[in-house]
Protein backbone atom coordinates (compact mmCIF):
# COMPACT_ATOMS: atom_id res chain seq x y z
CA MET A 1 -10.69 -1.90 18.21
CA GLY A 2 -8.38 0.23 16.10
CA ARG A 3 -7.17 -0.78 12.43
CA ARG A 4 -4.14 -3.11 12.54
CA LEU A 5 -1.02 -2.82 10.31
CA ALA A 6 -0.23 -5.02 7.50
CA THR A 7 3.39 -4.24 7.38
CA SER A 8 6.36 -2.50 9.38
CA VAL A 9 6.40 1.28 9.29
CA HIS A 10 8.60 3.71 9.98
CA VAL A 11 6.94 6.90 11.71
CA ARG A 12 7.37 9.96 13.61
CA HIS A 13 5.00 10.27 16.87
CA PRO A 14 3.11 13.71 15.93
CA GLU A 15 3.29 14.60 19.95
CA THR A 16 7.30 13.38 21.09
CA ASN A 17 8.45 13.47 17.39
CA GLU A 18 10.06 10.17 18.69
CA TRP A 19 10.88 7.69 15.66
CA LEU A 20 9.07 4.47 16.00
CA ILE A 21 8.82 1.29 14.27
CA LEU A 22 5.74 -0.12 14.19
CA GLN A 23 5.08 -4.41 13.13
CA PRO A 24 3.19 -6.23 11.64
CA GLY A 25 -0.39 -6.57 13.50
CA ASP A 26 0.27 -3.77 15.72
CA GLU A 27 -2.47 -1.49 16.44
CA PRO A 28 -1.70 2.17 16.54
CA ASP A 29 -3.43 5.03 18.33
CA GLU A 30 -5.42 7.55 16.94
CA ALA A 31 -2.34 9.69 16.47
CA LEU A 32 -0.27 7.28 14.84
CA ALA A 33 -2.74 6.31 12.94
CA GLU A 34 -3.53 9.88 11.31
CA VAL A 35 0.16 10.19 10.37
CA ILE A 36 0.38 6.50 8.46
CA THR A 37 -1.03 7.32 5.34
CA HIS A 38 0.18 5.26 2.81
CA PRO A 39 -2.88 2.90 2.17
CA SER A 40 -1.17 -0.66 1.57
CA ALA A 41 0.34 0.32 5.41
CA TRP A 42 -3.14 -1.30 6.61
CA GLU A 43 -4.83 -4.61 6.59
CA ARG A 44 -8.01 -4.96 4.84
CA ASP A 45 -11.14 -4.71 6.76
CA ALA A 46 -13.72 -7.27 6.27
CA ASP A 47 -16.05 -4.86 5.33
CA GLU A 48 -14.01 -4.13 2.29
CA ASP A 49 -14.02 -7.28 1.31
CA SER A 50 -17.00 -7.68 0.96
CA GLU A 51 -17.19 -4.76 -1.35
CA ASP A 52 -14.74 -6.42 -4.18
CA GLY A 53 -16.17 -9.80 -3.72
CA GLY A 54 -12.76 -10.34 -1.37
CA GLU A 55 -10.65 -10.63 -4.31
CA GLY A 56 -7.34 -9.29 -4.85
CA ASP A 57 -5.08 -7.89 -1.94
CA GLY A 58 -4.97 -4.42 -3.18
CA GLY A 59 -1.62 -3.88 -3.79
CA ASP A 60 -1.87 -3.10 -7.38
CA VAL A 61 -2.73 0.78 -6.16
CA GLY A 62 -1.79 2.98 -8.93
CA ALA A 63 -0.66 0.28 -11.24
CA LYS A 64 -1.60 0.90 -14.74
CA ALA A 65 -3.68 -1.47 -16.25
CA ASP A 66 -2.59 -3.37 -19.26
CA GLY A 67 -4.49 -1.15 -21.95
CA ASP A 68 -2.86 1.86 -20.34
CA ALA A 69 0.77 0.36 -22.01
CA LYS A 70 2.72 3.23 -24.22
CA PRO A 71 3.21 1.88 -27.93
CA ARG A 72 6.62 1.56 -28.95
CA SER A 73 8.07 4.52 -31.31
CA ARG A 74 10.08 2.03 -33.19
CA ALA A 75 11.09 -1.50 -33.32
CA ARG A 76 13.56 -3.58 -31.83
CA LYS A 77 16.75 -4.31 -33.81
CA THR A 78 17.58 -7.86 -33.70
CA ALA A 79 21.19 -9.57 -32.86
CA ASP A 80 21.16 -10.87 -36.92
CA GLU A 81 20.49 -7.28 -38.42
């Protein structure tokens, strides 16, 4: 059994050069799976869920943590000023 898609994906078939629209739940063949590189396109495996305790959906890939926010360079002015 191959990997299952979690979202719709538009992809060009690597052999026929034809544009395809794959739907959530589809299990593309290996040639197509290799060109779908975005991690959020795929459903999480049961093994991945057990590694992180099954919490979260992995949708925040690349998101900044709260402590990573840039400090403001100046205070905002209020309407009364």
